């Protein structure tokens, strides 16, 4: 190998390491307003059998970039019954460098989350028992 080839290879490896580091997720990766749309089921045990009740939700989640979040609006349907949550919901989230994390709404459900490296989208699956519920949140506005 020539000296120029070694230098070029070293520079390429160094640059790819920097590029990979730029894709690491942090709490700041999730910053701004997102619309979360999800559907699935709650499972209720009645006798020896579980009964699945459908549920769906559309909600706005504001991620603050520091591990906290707020919910200014949400509409849900559980087994065909519509409910609207008042503004003011809160919660917290984590984000690992691998772009995985968790989300917990205060007094409510918990989720495992998978974050796109640029933070434009995240995929969420509820982790509470007796639920089958998953959806996607898409950034609709950057933080101010």
Foldseek 3Di string as FASTA:
>chain_A
DDPVVVVVVVVVVVVVVVVLQLLFDFLQLAAAKKWKKKKWWFWDDDPNDTDTWIKIKIWIWGRHSPFKIFTCWMWMATNRDIDIDHGGWMWGKGAGRQQWIKIDTVVDWIWIWGAGSNRQKIKTATDDPRIGMIIMMGHPTGHD
